[in-house]
Amino acid sequence: CAASGRTFTGTIMGWFRQAPGKEREFVALIRWSSGTSSLA
């Protein structure tokens, strides 16, 4: 995931996924500043 434009240290980056006919669901996130992460 390539991000452009202004970014900030407080940004949370997430990955979500959506199968046809299904709700969008959480996969993973990472705190931009620290690099700490969470996964489904």
Full PDB file with SEQRES, HELIX, SHEET, SSBOND, CRYST1, ORIGX, SCALE, CONECT and MASTER records, all heavy atoms in Angstrom:
SEQRES   1 A   40  CYS ALA ALA SER GLY ARG THR PHE THR GLY THR ILE MET          
SEQRES   2 A   40  GLY TRP PHE ARG GLN ALA PRO GLY LYS GLU ARG GLU PHE          
SEQRES   3 A   40  VAL ALA LEU ILE ARG TRP SER SER GLY THR SER SER LEU          
SEQRES   4 A   40  ALA                                                          
SHEET    1 AA1 3 ILE A  12  ARG A  17  0                                        
SHEET    2 AA1 3 GLU A  25  ARG A  31 -1                                        
SHEET    3 AA1 3 SER A  37  LEU A  39 -1                                        
CRYST1    1.000    1.000    1.000  90.00  90.00  90.00 P 1           1          
ORIGX1      1.000000  0.000000  0.000000        0.00000                         
ORIGX2      0.000000  1.000000  0.000000        0.00000                         
ORIGX3      0.000000  0.000000  1.000000        0.00000                         
SCALE1      1.000000  0.000000  0.000000        0.00000                         
SCALE2      0.000000  1.000000  0.000000        0.00000                         
SCALE3      0.000000  0.000000  1.000000        0.00000                         
ATOM      1  N   CYS A   1       0.858  -1.171   0.000  1.00  0.00           N  
ATOM      2  CA  CYS A   1       0.000   0.000   0.000  1.00  0.00           C  
ATOM      3  C   CYS A   1       0.894   1.220   0.000  1.00  0.00           C  
ATOM      4  O   CYS A   1       1.554   1.506   1.007  1.00  0.00           O  
ATOM      5  CB  CYS A   1      -0.926  -0.004   1.215  1.00  0.00           C  
ATOM      6  SG  CYS A   1      -1.893   1.508   1.419  1.00  0.00           S  
ATOM      7  N   ALA A   2       0.929   1.923  -1.119  1.00  0.00           N  
ATOM      8  CA  ALA A   2       1.736   3.122  -1.254  1.00  0.00           C  
ATOM      9  C   ALA A   2       0.881   4.340  -0.948  1.00  0.00           C  
ATOM     10  O   ALA A   2      -0.160   4.545  -1.571  1.00  0.00           O  
ATOM     11  CB  ALA A   2       2.324   3.221  -2.655  1.00  0.00           C  
ATOM     12  N   ALA A   3       1.321   5.135   0.004  1.00  0.00           N  
ATOM     13  CA  ALA A   3       0.597   6.328   0.418  1.00  0.00           C  
ATOM     14  C   ALA A   3       1.288   7.568  -0.124  1.00  0.00           C  
ATOM     15  O   ALA A   3       2.521   7.673  -0.086  1.00  0.00           O  
ATOM     16  CB  ALA A   3       0.504   6.404   1.937  1.00  0.00           C  
ATOM     17  N   SER A   4       0.509   8.487  -0.624  1.00  0.00           N  
ATOM     18  CA  SER A   4       1.029   9.765  -1.077  1.00  0.00           C  
ATOM     19  C   SER A   4       0.257  10.893  -0.409  1.00  0.00           C  
ATOM     20  O   SER A   4      -0.821  10.687   0.137  1.00  0.00           O  
ATOM     21  CB  SER A   4       0.961   9.886  -2.600  1.00  0.00           C  
ATOM     22  OG  SER A   4      -0.378   9.798  -3.056  1.00  0.00           O  
ATOM     23  N   GLY A   5       0.806  12.082  -0.496  1.00  0.00           N  
ATOM     24  CA  GLY A   5       0.248  13.186   0.246  1.00  0.00           C  
ATOM     25  C   GLY A   5       0.888  13.257   1.626  1.00  0.00           C  
ATOM     26  O   GLY A   5       1.785  12.483   1.949  1.00  0.00           O  
ATOM     27  N   ARG A   6       0.402  14.159   2.407  1.00  0.00           N  
ATOM     28  CA  ARG A   6       0.989  14.360   3.720  1.00  0.00           C  
ATOM     29  C   ARG A   6       0.590  13.250   4.672  1.00  0.00           C  
ATOM     30  O   ARG A   6      -0.587  12.880   4.753  1.00  0.00           O  
ATOM     31  CB  ARG A   6       0.573  15.711   4.290  1.00  0.00           C  
ATOM     32  CG  ARG A   6       1.297  16.106   5.562  1.00  0.00           C  
ATOM     33  CD  ARG A   6       0.970  17.527   5.960  1.00  0.00           C  
ATOM     34  NE  ARG A   6       1.375  18.484   4.938  1.00  0.00           N  
ATOM     35  CZ  ARG A   6       2.599  18.969   4.791  1.00  0.00           C  
ATOM     36  NH1 ARG A   6       3.560  18.579   5.601  1.00  0.00           N  
ATOM     37  NH2 ARG A   6       2.855  19.839   3.836  1.00  0.00           N  
ATOM     38  N   THR A   7       1.563  12.736   5.389  1.00  0.00           N  
ATOM     39  CA  THR A   7       1.316  11.735   6.410  1.00  0.00           C  
ATOM     40  C   THR A   7       1.733  12.275   7.761  1.00  0.00           C  
ATOM     41  O   THR A   7       2.550  13.193   7.853  1.00  0.00           O  
ATOM     42  CB  THR A   7       2.052  10.427   6.114  1.00  0.00           C  
ATOM     43  OG1 THR A   7       3.460  10.678   6.031  1.00  0.00           O  
ATOM     44  CG2 THR A   7       1.582   9.828   4.802  1.00  0.00           C  
ATOM     45  N   PHE A   8       1.197  11.693   8.790  1.00  0.00           N  
ATOM     46  CA  PHE A   8       1.427  12.155  10.141  1.00  0.00           C  
ATOM     47  C   PHE A   8       1.794  10.980  11.035  1.00  0.00           C  
ATOM     48  O   PHE A   8       1.387   9.845  10.788  1.00  0.00           O  
ATOM     49  CB  PHE A   8       0.191  12.874  10.692  1.00  0.00           C  
ATOM     50  CG  PHE A   8      -0.268  14.019   9.853  1.00  0.00           C  
ATOM     51  CD1 PHE A   8      -1.217  13.829   8.872  1.00  0.00           C  
ATOM     52  CD2 PHE A   8       0.260  15.282  10.040  1.00  0.00           C  
ATOM     53  CE1 PHE A   8      -1.644  14.886   8.086  1.00  0.00           C  
ATOM     54  CE2 PHE A   8      -0.160  16.354   9.266  1.00  0.00           C  
ATOM     55  CZ  PHE A   8      -1.110  16.146   8.282  1.00  0.00           C  
ATOM     56  N   THR A   9       2.508  11.278  12.083  1.00  0.00           N  
ATOM     57  CA  THR A   9       2.951  10.223  12.984  1.00  0.00           C  
ATOM     58  C   THR A   9       1.791   9.550  13.701  1.00  0.00           C  
ATOM     59  O   THR A   9       1.927   8.419  14.154  1.00  0.00           O  
ATOM     60  CB  THR A   9       3.936  10.767  14.020  1.00  0.00           C  
ATOM     61  OG1 THR A   9       3.329  11.832  14.765  1.00  0.00           O  
ATOM     62  CG2 THR A   9       5.189  11.308  13.349  1.00  0.00           C  
ATOM     63  N   GLY A  10       0.662  10.223  13.799  1.00  0.00           N  
ATOM     64  CA  GLY A  10      -0.489   9.655  14.476  1.00  0.00           C  
ATOM     65  C   GLY A  10      -1.361   8.760  13.612  1.00  0.00           C  
ATOM     66  O   GLY A  10      -2.400   8.285  14.081  1.00  0.00           O  
ATOM     67  N   THR A  11      -0.953   8.507  12.378  1.00  0.00           N  
ATOM     68  CA  THR A  11      -1.773   7.743  11.447  1.00  0.00           C  
ATOM     69  C   THR A  11      -1.794   6.261  11.806  1.00  0.00           C  
ATOM     70  O   THR A  11      -0.770   5.674  12.152  1.00  0.00           O  
ATOM     71  CB  THR A  11      -1.254   7.924  10.014  1.00  0.00           C  
ATOM     72  OG1 THR A  11      -1.289   9.310   9.673  1.00  0.00           O  
ATOM     73  CG2 THR A  11      -2.112   7.148   9.029  1.00  0.00           C  
ATOM     74  N   ILE A  12      -2.979   5.677  11.716  1.00  0.00           N  
ATOM     75  CA  ILE A  12      -3.159   4.237  11.801  1.00  0.00           C  
ATOM     76  C   ILE A  12      -3.419   3.721  10.396  1.00  0.00           C  
ATOM     77  O   ILE A  12      -4.302   4.222   9.697  1.00  0.00           O  
ATOM     78  CB  ILE A  12      -4.331   3.862  12.720  1.00  0.00           C  
ATOM     79  CG1 ILE A  12      -4.188   4.534  14.091  1.00  0.00           C  
ATOM     80  CG2 ILE A  12      -4.439   2.353  12.844  1.00  0.00           C  
ATOM     81  CD1 ILE A  12      -2.957   4.112  14.856  1.00  0.00           C  
ATOM     82  N   MET A  13      -2.670   2.720   9.973  1.00  0.00           N  
ATOM     83  CA  MET A  13      -2.855   2.100   8.678  1.00  0.00           C  
ATOM     84  C   MET A  13      -3.477   0.730   8.872  1.00  0.00           C  
ATOM     85  O   MET A  13      -3.007  -0.052   9.700  1.00  0.00           O  
ATOM     86  CB  MET A  13      -1.537   1.968   7.932  1.00  0.00           C  
ATOM     87  CG  MET A  13      -0.812   3.287   7.699  1.00  0.00           C  
ATOM     88  SD  MET A  13      -1.740   4.411   6.611  1.00  0.00           S  
ATOM     89  CE  MET A  13      -1.744   3.472   5.087  1.00  0.00           C  
ATOM     90  N   GLY A  14      -4.520   0.456   8.117  1.00  0.00           N  
ATOM     91  CA  GLY A  14      -5.215  -0.809   8.254  1.00  0.00           C  
ATOM     92  C   GLY A  14      -5.371  -1.535   6.939  1.00  0.00           C  
ATOM     93  O   GLY A  14      -5.354  -0.931   5.864  1.00  0.00           O  
ATOM     94  N   TRP A  15      -5.495  -2.844   7.024  1.00  0.00           N  
ATOM     95  CA  TRP A  15      -5.877  -3.685   5.902  1.00  0.00           C  
ATOM     96  C   TRP A  15      -7.236  -4.311   6.215  1.00  0.00           C  
ATOM     97  O   TRP A  15      -7.438  -4.864   7.300  1.00  0.00           O  
ATOM     98  CB  TRP A  15      -4.861  -4.795   5.642  1.00  0.00           C  
ATOM     99  CG  TRP A  15      -3.606  -4.341   4.969  1.00  0.00           C  
ATOM    100  CD1 TRP A  15      -2.415  -4.054   5.553  1.00  0.00           C  
ATOM    101  CD2 TRP A  15      -3.420  -4.147   3.561  1.00  0.00           C  
ATOM    102  NE1 TRP A  15      -1.495  -3.684   4.601  1.00  0.00           N  
ATOM    103  CE2 TRP A  15      -2.082  -3.737   3.369  1.00  0.00           C  
ATOM    104  CE3 TRP A  15      -4.246  -4.284   2.443  1.00  0.00           C  
ATOM    105  CZ2 TRP A  15      -1.554  -3.453   2.107  1.00  0.00           C  
ATOM    106  CZ3 TRP A  15      -3.727  -4.000   1.191  1.00  0.00           C  
ATOM    107  CH2 TRP A  15      -2.397  -3.597   1.036  1.00  0.00           C  
ATOM    108  N   PHE A  16      -8.137  -4.216   5.255  1.00  0.00           N  
ATOM    109  CA  PHE A  16      -9.447  -4.832   5.337  1.00  0.00           C  
ATOM    110  C   PHE A  16      -9.658  -5.675   4.093  1.00  0.00           C  
ATOM    111  O   PHE A  16      -8.987  -5.481   3.091  1.00  0.00           O  
ATOM    112  CB  PHE A  16     -10.547  -3.776   5.452  1.00  0.00           C  
ATOM    113  CG  PHE A  16     -10.509  -2.991   6.729  1.00  0.00           C  
ATOM    114  CD1 PHE A  16      -9.618  -1.947   6.896  1.00  0.00           C  
ATOM    115  CD2 PHE A  16     -11.370  -3.294   7.770  1.00  0.00           C  
ATOM    116  CE1 PHE A  16      -9.576  -1.218   8.073  1.00  0.00           C  
ATOM    117  CE2 PHE A  16     -11.345  -2.572   8.957  1.00  0.00           C  
ATOM    118  CZ  PHE A  16     -10.449  -1.543   9.103  1.00  0.00           C  
ATOM    119  N   ARG A  17     -10.601  -6.590   4.154  1.00  0.00           N  
ATOM    120  CA  ARG A  17     -10.910  -7.385   2.980  1.00  0.00           C  
ATOM    121  C   ARG A  17     -12.412  -7.576   2.870  1.00  0.00           C  
ATOM    122  O   ARG A  17     -13.137  -7.555   3.858  1.00  0.00           O  
ATOM    123  CB  ARG A  17     -10.202  -8.738   3.012  1.00  0.00           C  
ATOM    124  CG  ARG A  17     -10.664  -9.683   4.118  1.00  0.00           C  
ATOM    125  CD  ARG A  17      -9.772 -10.923   4.151  1.00  0.00           C  
ATOM    126  NE  ARG A  17     -10.229 -11.906   5.110  1.00  0.00           N  
ATOM    127  CZ  ARG A  17      -9.584 -13.021   5.400  1.00  0.00           C  
ATOM    128  NH1 ARG A  17      -8.428 -13.302   4.795  1.00  0.00           N  
ATOM    129  NH2 ARG A  17     -10.082 -13.868   6.299  1.00  0.00           N  
ATOM    130  N   GLN A  18     -12.869  -7.773   1.635  1.00  0.00           N  
ATOM    131  CA  GLN A  18     -14.285  -7.939   1.374  1.00  0.00           C  
ATOM    132  C   GLN A  18     -14.480  -8.945   0.252  1.00  0.00           C  
ATOM    133  O   GLN A  18     -14.022  -8.729  -0.869  1.00  0.00           O  
ATOM    134  CB  GLN A  18     -14.933  -6.606   1.010  1.00  0.00           C  
ATOM    135  CG  GLN A  18     -16.441  -6.667   0.903  1.00  0.00           C  
ATOM    136  CD  GLN A  18     -17.069  -5.293   0.864  1.00  0.00           C  
ATOM    137  OE1 GLN A  18     -16.432  -4.313   0.492  1.00  0.00           O  
ATOM    138  NE2 GLN A  18     -18.331  -5.209   1.262  1.00  0.00           N  
ATOM    139  N   ALA A  19     -15.160 -10.030   0.573  1.00  0.00           N  
ATOM    140  CA  ALA A  19     -15.530 -11.021  -0.418  1.00  0.00           C  
ATOM    141  C   ALA A  19     -16.888 -10.654  -1.008  1.00  0.00           C  
ATOM    142  O   ALA A  19     -17.679  -9.952  -0.374  1.00  0.00           O  
ATOM    143  CB  ALA A  19     -15.580 -12.410   0.208  1.00  0.00           C  
ATOM    144  N   PRO A  20     -17.200 -11.121  -2.224  1.00  0.00           N  
ATOM    145  CA  PRO A  20     -18.494 -10.789  -2.831  1.00  0.00           C  
ATOM    146  C   PRO A  20     -19.661 -11.186  -1.936  1.00  0.00           C  
ATOM    147  O   PRO A  20     -19.722 -12.306  -1.434  1.00  0.00           O  
ATOM    148  CB  PRO A  20     -18.483 -11.593  -4.129  1.00  0.00           C  
ATOM    149  CG  PRO A  20     -17.036 -11.747  -4.454  1.00  0.00           C  
ATOM    150  CD  PRO A  20     -16.352 -11.897  -3.131  1.00  0.00           C  
ATOM    151  N   GLY A  21     -20.575 -10.256  -1.731  1.00  0.00           N  
ATOM    152  CA  GLY A  21     -21.736 -10.509  -0.905  1.00  0.00           C  
ATOM    153  C   GLY A  21     -21.488 -10.511   0.582  1.00  0.00           C  
ATOM    154  O   GLY A  21     -22.414 -10.782   1.351  1.00  0.00           O  
ATOM    155  N   LYS A  22     -20.270 -10.212   1.001  1.00  0.00           N  
ATOM    156  CA  LYS A  22     -19.917 -10.219   2.416  1.00  0.00           C  
ATOM    157  C   LYS A  22     -19.584  -8.810   2.891  1.00  0.00           C  
ATOM    158  O   LYS A  22     -19.295  -7.921   2.095  1.00  0.00           O  
ATOM    159  CB  LYS A  22     -18.718 -11.137   2.673  1.00  0.00           C  
ATOM    160  CG  LYS A  22     -18.898 -12.563   2.206  1.00  0.00           C  
ATOM    161  CD  LYS A  22     -19.990 -13.272   2.980  1.00  0.00           C  
ATOM    162  CE  LYS A  22     -20.080 -14.730   2.569  1.00  0.00           C  
ATOM    163  NZ  LYS A  22     -21.147 -15.442   3.312  1.00  0.00           N  
ATOM    164  N   GLU A  23     -19.627  -8.631   4.198  1.00  0.00           N  
ATOM    165  CA  GLU A  23     -19.243  -7.357   4.784  1.00  0.00           C  
ATOM    166  C   GLU A  23     -17.732  -7.208   4.777  1.00  0.00           C  
ATOM    167  O   GLU A  23     -16.991  -8.190   4.809  1.00  0.00           O  
ATOM    168  CB  GLU A  23     -19.763  -7.249   6.216  1.00  0.00           C  
ATOM    169  CG  GLU A  23     -21.273  -7.199   6.326  1.00  0.00           C  
ATOM    170  CD  GLU A  23     -21.747  -7.013   7.750  1.00  0.00           C  
ATOM    171  OE1 GLU A  23     -20.931  -7.156   8.680  1.00  0.00           O  
ATOM    172  OE2 GLU A  23     -22.931  -6.713   7.932  1.00  0.00           O  
ATOM    173  N   ARG A  24     -17.290  -5.970   4.729  1.00  0.00           N  
ATOM    174  CA  ARG A  24     -15.870  -5.699   4.825  1.00  0.00           C  
ATOM    175  C   ARG A  24     -15.380  -6.029   6.232  1.00  0.00           C  
ATOM    176  O   ARG A  24     -15.994  -5.612   7.222  1.00  0.00           O  
ATOM    177  CB  ARG A  24     -15.600  -4.231   4.492  1.00  0.00           C  
ATOM    178  CG  ARG A  24     -14.134  -3.890   4.329  1.00  0.00           C  
ATOM    179  CD  ARG A  24     -13.957  -2.517   3.681  1.00  0.00           C  
ATOM    180  NE  ARG A  24     -14.559  -2.476   2.356  1.00  0.00           N  
ATOM    181  CZ  ARG A  24     -14.442  -1.462   1.512  1.00  0.00           C  
ATOM    182  NH1 ARG A  24     -13.734  -0.382   1.855  1.00  0.00           N  
ATOM    183  NH2 ARG A  24     -15.038  -1.507   0.330  1.00  0.00           N  
ATOM    184  N   GLU A  25     -14.287  -6.777   6.327  1.00  0.00           N  
ATOM    185  CA  GLU A  25     -13.806  -7.224   7.614  1.00  0.00           C  
ATOM    186  C   GLU A  25     -12.359  -6.810   7.846  1.00  0.00           C  
ATOM    187  O   GLU A  25     -11.562  -6.695   6.916  1.00  0.00           O  
ATOM    188  CB  GLU A  25     -13.944  -8.746   7.766  1.00  0.00           C  
ATOM    189  CG  GLU A  25     -13.086  -9.560   6.818  1.00  0.00           C  
ATOM    190  CD  GLU A  25     -13.259 -11.050   7.023  1.00  0.00           C  
ATOM    191  OE1 GLU A  25     -14.166 -11.461   7.776  1.00  0.00           O  
ATOM    192  OE2 GLU A  25     -12.484 -11.829   6.425  1.00  0.00           O  
ATOM    193  N   PHE A  26     -12.047  -6.618   9.104  1.00  0.00           N  
ATOM    194  CA  PHE A  26     -10.719  -6.219   9.523  1.00  0.00           C  
ATOM    195  C   PHE A  26      -9.727  -7.347   9.321  1.00  0.00           C  
ATOM    196  O   PHE A  26     -10.027  -8.516   9.592  1.00  0.00           O  
ATOM    197  CB  PHE A  26     -10.755  -5.811  11.000  1.00  0.00           C  
ATOM    198  CG  PHE A  26      -9.404  -5.622  11.612  1.00  0.00           C  
ATOM    199  CD1 PHE A  26      -8.665  -4.482  11.361  1.00  0.00           C  
ATOM    200  CD2 PHE A  26      -8.871  -6.589  12.447  1.00  0.00           C  
ATOM    201  CE1 PHE A  26      -7.417  -4.305  11.928  1.00  0.00           C  
ATOM    202  CE2 PHE A  26      -7.631  -6.427  13.017  1.00  0.00           C  
ATOM    203  CZ  PHE A  26      -6.904  -5.280  12.752  1.00  0.00           C  
ATOM    204  N   VAL A  27      -8.531  -6.997   8.876  1.00  0.00           N  
ATOM    205  CA  VAL A  27      -7.448  -7.954   8.718  1.00  0.00           C  
ATOM    206  C   VAL A  27      -6.280  -7.619   9.640  1.00  0.00           C  
ATOM    207  O   VAL A  27      -5.828  -8.457  10.414  1.00  0.00           O  
ATOM    208  CB  VAL A  27      -6.955  -8.021   7.261  1.00  0.00           C  
ATOM    209  CG1 VAL A  27      -5.760  -8.957   7.138  1.00  0.00           C  
ATOM    210  CG2 VAL A  27      -8.087  -8.463   6.339  1.00  0.00           C  
ATOM    211  N   ALA A  28      -5.781  -6.387   9.554  1.00  0.00           N  
ATOM    212  CA  ALA A  28      -4.601  -6.005  10.323  1.00  0.00           C  
ATOM    213  C   ALA A  28      -4.503  -4.494  10.383  1.00  0.00           C  
ATOM    214  O   ALA A  28      -5.062  -3.789   9.537  1.00  0.00           O  
ATOM    215  CB  ALA A  28      -3.327  -6.581   9.699  1.00  0.00           C  
ATOM    216  N   LEU A  29      -3.789  -3.994  11.371  1.00  0.00           N  
ATOM    217  CA  LEU A  29      -3.477  -2.573  11.448  1.00  0.00           C  
ATOM    218  C   LEU A  29      -2.090  -2.382  12.012  1.00  0.00           C  
ATOM    219  O   LEU A  29      -1.545  -3.264  12.683  1.00  0.00           O  
ATOM    220  CB  LEU A  29      -4.521  -1.806  12.275  1.00  0.00           C  
ATOM    221  CG  LEU A  29      -4.650  -2.070  13.774  1.00  0.00           C  
ATOM    222  CD1 LEU A  29      -3.599  -1.297  14.582  1.00  0.00           C  
ATOM    223  CD2 LEU A  29      -6.038  -1.682  14.259  1.00  0.00           C  
ATOM    224  N   ILE A  30      -1.538  -1.231  11.734  1.00  0.00           N  
ATOM    225  CA  ILE A  30      -0.230  -0.886  12.254  1.00  0.00           C  
ATOM    226  C   ILE A  30      -0.221   0.594  12.616  1.00  0.00           C  
ATOM    227  O   ILE A  30      -0.781   1.415  11.893  1.00  0.00           O  
ATOM    228  CB  ILE A  30       0.898  -1.232  11.252  1.00  0.00           C  
ATOM    229  CG1 ILE A  30       2.277  -1.035  11.878  1.00  0.00           C  
ATOM    230  CG2 ILE A  30       0.760  -0.423   9.964  1.00  0.00           C  
ATOM    231  CD1 ILE A  30       3.404  -1.661  11.064  1.00  0.00           C  
ATOM    232  N   ARG A  31       0.372   0.907  13.733  1.00  0.00           N  
ATOM    233  CA  ARG A  31       0.559   2.287  14.140  1.00  0.00           C  
ATOM    234  C   ARG A  31       1.801   2.829  13.446  1.00  0.00           C  
ATOM    235  O   ARG A  31       2.899   2.291  13.614  1.00  0.00           O  
ATOM    236  CB  ARG A  31       0.686   2.397  15.654  1.00  0.00           C  
ATOM    237  CG  ARG A  31      -0.572   1.957  16.388  1.00  0.00           C  
ATOM    238  CD  ARG A  31      -0.371   1.877  17.893  1.00  0.00           C  
ATOM    239  NE  ARG A  31      -1.602   1.514  18.559  1.00  0.00           N  
ATOM    240  CZ  ARG A  31      -2.050   0.274  18.694  1.00  0.00           C  
ATOM    241  NH1 ARG A  31      -1.348  -0.742  18.202  1.00  0.00           N  
ATOM    242  NH2 ARG A  31      -3.189   0.030  19.319  1.00  0.00           N  
ATOM    243  N   TRP A  32       1.617   3.878  12.650  1.00  0.00           N  
ATOM    244  CA  TRP A  32       2.687   4.375  11.801  1.00  0.00           C  
ATOM    245  C   TRP A  32       3.915   4.784  12.604  1.00  0.00           C  
ATOM    246  O   TRP A  32       5.045   4.506  12.213  1.00  0.00           O  
ATOM    247  CB  TRP A  32       2.188   5.552  10.962  1.00  0.00           C  
ATOM    248  CG  TRP A  32       3.106   5.901   9.849  1.00  0.00           C  
ATOM    249  CD1 TRP A  32       4.084   6.848   9.858  1.00  0.00           C  
ATOM    250  CD2 TRP A  32       3.138   5.293   8.554  1.00  0.00           C  
ATOM    251  NE1 TRP A  32       4.723   6.869   8.650  1.00  0.00           N  
ATOM    252  CE2 TRP A  32       4.164   5.929   7.831  1.00  0.00           C  
ATOM    253  CE3 TRP A  32       2.394   4.278   7.948  1.00  0.00           C  
ATOM    254  CZ2 TRP A  32       4.471   5.577   6.515  1.00  0.00           C  
ATOM    255  CZ3 TRP A  32       2.698   3.933   6.643  1.00  0.00           C  
ATOM    256  CH2 TRP A  32       3.726   4.579   5.945  1.00  0.00           C  
ATOM    257  N   SER A  33       3.699   5.435  13.722  1.00  0.00           N  
ATOM    258  CA  SER A  33       4.817   5.972  14.481  1.00  0.00           C  
ATOM    259  C   SER A  33       5.634   4.893  15.175  1.00  0.00           C  
ATOM    260  O   SER A  33       6.868   4.941  15.158  1.00  0.00           O  
ATOM    261  CB  SER A  33       4.315   6.983  15.513  1.00  0.00           C  
ATOM    262  OG  SER A  33       3.396   6.391  16.413  1.00  0.00           O  
ATOM    263  N   SER A  34       4.975   3.930  15.775  1.00  0.00           N  
ATOM    264  CA  SER A  34       5.663   2.935  16.584  1.00  0.00           C  
ATOM    265  C   SER A  34       5.932   1.628  15.852  1.00  0.00           C  
ATOM    266  O   SER A  34       6.838   0.884  16.232  1.00  0.00           O  
ATOM    267  CB  SER A  34       4.857   2.636  17.847  1.00  0.00           C  
ATOM    268  OG  SER A  34       3.642   1.987  17.528  1.00  0.00           O  
ATOM    269  N   GLY A  35       5.132   1.321  14.839  1.00  0.00           N  
ATOM    270  CA  GLY A  35       5.251   0.043  14.159  1.00  0.00           C  
ATOM    271  C   GLY A  35       4.552  -1.100  14.855  1.00  0.00           C  
ATOM    272  O   GLY A  35       4.613  -2.243  14.368  1.00  0.00           O  
ATOM    273  N   THR A  36       3.886  -0.839  15.960  1.00  0.00           N  
ATOM    274  CA  THR A  36       3.142  -1.898  16.632  1.00  0.00           C  
ATOM    275  C   THR A  36       1.921  -2.274  15.808  1.00  0.00           C  
ATOM    276  O   THR A  36       1.339  -1.434  15.125  1.00  0.00           O  
ATOM    277  CB  THR A  36       2.724  -1.475  18.042  1.00  0.00           C  
ATOM    278  OG1 THR A  36       1.945  -0.268  17.968  1.00  0.00           O  
ATOM    279  CG2 THR A  36       3.945  -1.230  18.901  1.00  0.00           C  
ATOM    280  N   SER A  37       1.522  -3.519  15.877  1.00  0.00           N  
ATOM    281  CA  SER A  37       0.486  -4.023  14.988  1.00  0.00           C  
ATOM    282  C   SER A  37      -0.519  -4.895  15.720  1.00  0.00           C  
ATOM    283  O   SER A  37      -0.264  -5.397  16.818  1.00  0.00           O  
ATOM    284  CB  SER A  37       1.114  -4.813  13.841  1.00  0.00           C  
ATOM    285  OG  SER A  37       1.820  -5.937  14.326  1.00  0.00           O  
ATOM    286  N   SER A  38      -1.663  -5.063  15.090  1.00  0.00           N  
ATOM    287  CA  SER A  38      -2.702  -5.972  15.548  1.00  0.00           C  
ATOM    288  C   SER A  38      -3.235  -6.733  14.344  1.00  0.00           C  
ATOM    289  O   SER A  38      -3.314  -6.183  13.249  1.00  0.00           O  
ATOM    290  CB  SER A  38      -3.848  -5.219  16.229  1.00  0.00           C  
ATOM    291  OG  SER A  38      -3.420  -4.548  17.389  1.00  0.00           O  
ATOM    292  N   LEU A  39      -3.604  -7.982  14.554  1.00  0.00           N  
ATOM    293  CA  LEU A  39      -4.139  -8.809  13.484  1.00  0.00           C  
ATOM    294  C   LEU A  39      -5.412  -9.503  13.922  1.00  0.00           C  
ATOM    295  O   LEU A  39      -5.575  -9.833  15.103  1.00  0.00           O  
ATOM    296  CB  LEU A  39      -3.121  -9.865  13.046  1.00  0.00           C  
ATOM    297  CG  LEU A  39      -1.834  -9.332  12.430  1.00  0.00           C  
ATOM    298  CD1 LEU A  39      -0.669  -9.531  13.384  1.00  0.00           C  
ATOM    299  CD2 LEU A  39      -1.552 -10.019  11.109  1.00  0.00           C  
ATOM    300  N   ALA A  40      -6.292  -9.721  12.971  1.00  0.00           N  
ATOM    301  CA  ALA A  40      -7.501 -10.471  13.247  1.00  0.00           C  
ATOM    302  C   ALA A  40      -7.152 -11.916  13.597  1.00  0.00           C  
ATOM    303  O   ALA A  40      -6.165 -12.471  13.109  1.00  0.00           O  
ATOM    304  CB  ALA A  40      -8.437 -10.438  12.042  1.00  0.00           C  
TER     305      ALA A  40                                                      
MASTER        0    0    0    0    3    0    0    6  304    1    0    4          
END                                                                             
